[in-house]
Amino acid sequence: MDFPFPNLVGHQEVRVRLGGISRQRVYQLTNRADFPRPVAQLAQGRVWLADEVEAWCLARGRP
């Protein structure tokens, strides 16, 4: 039985999605109360569902 894996993004993917903003700015944005909650905390850092991050970007006019 195959289970679909969710599409996950980390800080670097969020950074690229937002136009190559600084790592510090990504940290600030991902710590905001309105940013999606991470689905996991890994040794490399937090990860989010890509669809939730995409929806957050679009809701703020970031195409």
C-alpha atoms as a PDB file:
ATOM      1  CA  MET A   1       0.000   0.000   0.000  1.00  0.00           C
ATOM      2  CA  ASP A   2       1.425   3.377  -1.021  1.00  0.00           C
ATOM      3  CA  PHE A   3       0.962   6.382   1.206  1.00  0.00           C
ATOM      4  CA  PRO A   4       1.354   9.843  -0.297  1.00  0.00           C
ATOM      5  CA  PHE A   5       4.039  11.897   1.372  1.00  0.00           C
ATOM      6  CA  PRO A   6       3.152  15.496   2.162  1.00  0.00           C
ATOM      7  CA  ASN A   7       5.139  18.172   0.375  1.00  0.00           C
ATOM      8  CA  LEU A   8       7.293  19.746   3.098  1.00  0.00           C
ATOM      9  CA  VAL A   9       9.427  22.883   3.108  1.00  0.00           C
ATOM     10  CA  GLY A  10      12.149  24.125   5.408  1.00  0.00           C
ATOM     11  CA  HIS A  11      13.663  27.548   5.973  1.00  0.00           C
ATOM     12  CA  GLN A  12      15.601  27.517   2.697  1.00  0.00           C
ATOM     13  CA  GLU A  13      12.514  26.733   0.626  1.00  0.00           C
ATOM     14  CA  VAL A  14      10.551  29.463   2.411  1.00  0.00           C
ATOM     15  CA  ARG A  15      13.417  31.846   1.717  1.00  0.00           C
ATOM     16  CA  VAL A  16      13.411  31.032  -2.002  1.00  0.00           C
ATOM     17  CA  ARG A  17       9.594  31.195  -2.191  1.00  0.00           C
ATOM     18  CA  LEU A  18       9.690  34.719  -0.759  1.00  0.00           C
ATOM     19  CA  GLY A  19      12.189  35.952  -3.328  1.00  0.00           C
ATOM     20  CA  GLY A  20      15.498  35.188  -1.685  1.00  0.00           C
ATOM     21  CA  ILE A  21      14.967  37.173   1.500  1.00  0.00           C
ATOM     22  CA  SER A  22      17.592  36.971   4.229  1.00  0.00           C
ATOM     23  CA  ARG A  23      17.771  34.067   6.652  1.00  0.00           C
ATOM     24  CA  GLN A  24      17.099  36.496   9.488  1.00  0.00           C
ATOM     25  CA  ARG A  25      13.904  37.727   7.784  1.00  0.00           C
ATOM     26  CA  VAL A  26      12.723  34.130   7.264  1.00  0.00           C
ATOM     27  CA  TYR A  27      13.276  33.493  10.965  1.00  0.00           C
ATOM     28  CA  GLN A  28      11.236  36.608  11.828  1.00  0.00           C
ATOM     29  CA  LEU A  29       8.363  35.644   9.521  1.00  0.00           C
ATOM     30  CA  THR A  30       8.212  32.000  10.584  1.00  0.00           C
ATOM     31  CA  ASN A  31       7.975  33.053  14.229  1.00  0.00           C
ATOM     32  CA  ARG A  32       4.934  35.247  13.638  1.00  0.00           C
ATOM     33  CA  ALA A  33       1.652  34.076  15.140  1.00  0.00           C
ATOM     34  CA  ASP A  34      -0.042  34.152  11.725  1.00  0.00           C
ATOM     35  CA  PHE A  35       2.564  31.956   9.994  1.00  0.00           C
ATOM     36  CA  PRO A  36       1.567  28.279   9.654  1.00  0.00           C
ATOM     37  CA  ARG A  37       2.606  26.015  12.500  1.00  0.00           C
ATOM     38  CA  PRO A  38       5.481  23.671  11.709  1.00  0.00           C
ATOM     39  CA  VAL A  39       4.532  20.023  11.314  1.00  0.00           C
ATOM     40  CA  ALA A  40       7.853  18.778  12.682  1.00  0.00           C
ATOM     41  CA  GLN A  41      11.062  19.868  14.346  1.00  0.00           C
ATOM     42  CA  LEU A  42      14.032  18.034  12.839  1.00  0.00           C
ATOM     43  CA  ALA A  43      17.747  18.277  13.539  1.00  0.00           C
ATOM     44  CA  GLN A  44      17.981  20.602  10.513  1.00  0.00           C
ATOM     45  CA  GLY A  45      15.164  22.789  11.820  1.00  0.00           C
ATOM     46  CA  ARG A  46      11.439  23.195  11.497  1.00  0.00           C
ATOM     47  CA  VAL A  47       9.421  22.048   8.483  1.00  0.00           C
ATOM     48  CA  TRP A  48       6.020  23.168   7.233  1.00  0.00           C
ATOM     49  CA  LEU A  49       3.436  21.872   4.818  1.00  0.00           C
ATOM     50  CA  ALA A  50       4.163  23.527   1.477  1.00  0.00           C
ATOM     51  CA  ASP A  51       0.466  24.102   0.746  1.00  0.00           C
ATOM     52  CA  GLU A  52       0.012  26.025   4.007  1.00  0.00           C
ATOM     53  CA  VAL A  53       3.063  28.197   3.346  1.00  0.00           C
ATOM     54  CA  GLU A  54       1.855  28.844  -0.205  1.00  0.00           C
ATOM     55  CA  ALA A  55      -1.591  29.873   1.064  1.00  0.00           C
ATOM     56  CA  TRP A  56       0.022  32.172   3.633  1.00  0.00           C
ATOM     57  CA  CYS A  57       2.118  33.842   0.907  1.00  0.00           C
ATOM     58  CA  LEU A  58      -0.830  34.303  -1.432  1.00  0.00           C
ATOM     59  CA  ALA A  59      -3.023  35.732   1.344  1.00  0.00           C
ATOM     60  CA  ARG A  60      -0.404  38.442   1.849  1.00  0.00           C
ATOM     61  CA  GLY A  61      -0.100  39.336  -1.817  1.00  0.00           C
ATOM     62  CA  ARG A  62       3.160  37.506  -2.403  1.00  0.00           C
ATOM     63  CA  PRO A  63       2.635  35.834  -5.787  1.00  0.00           C
END
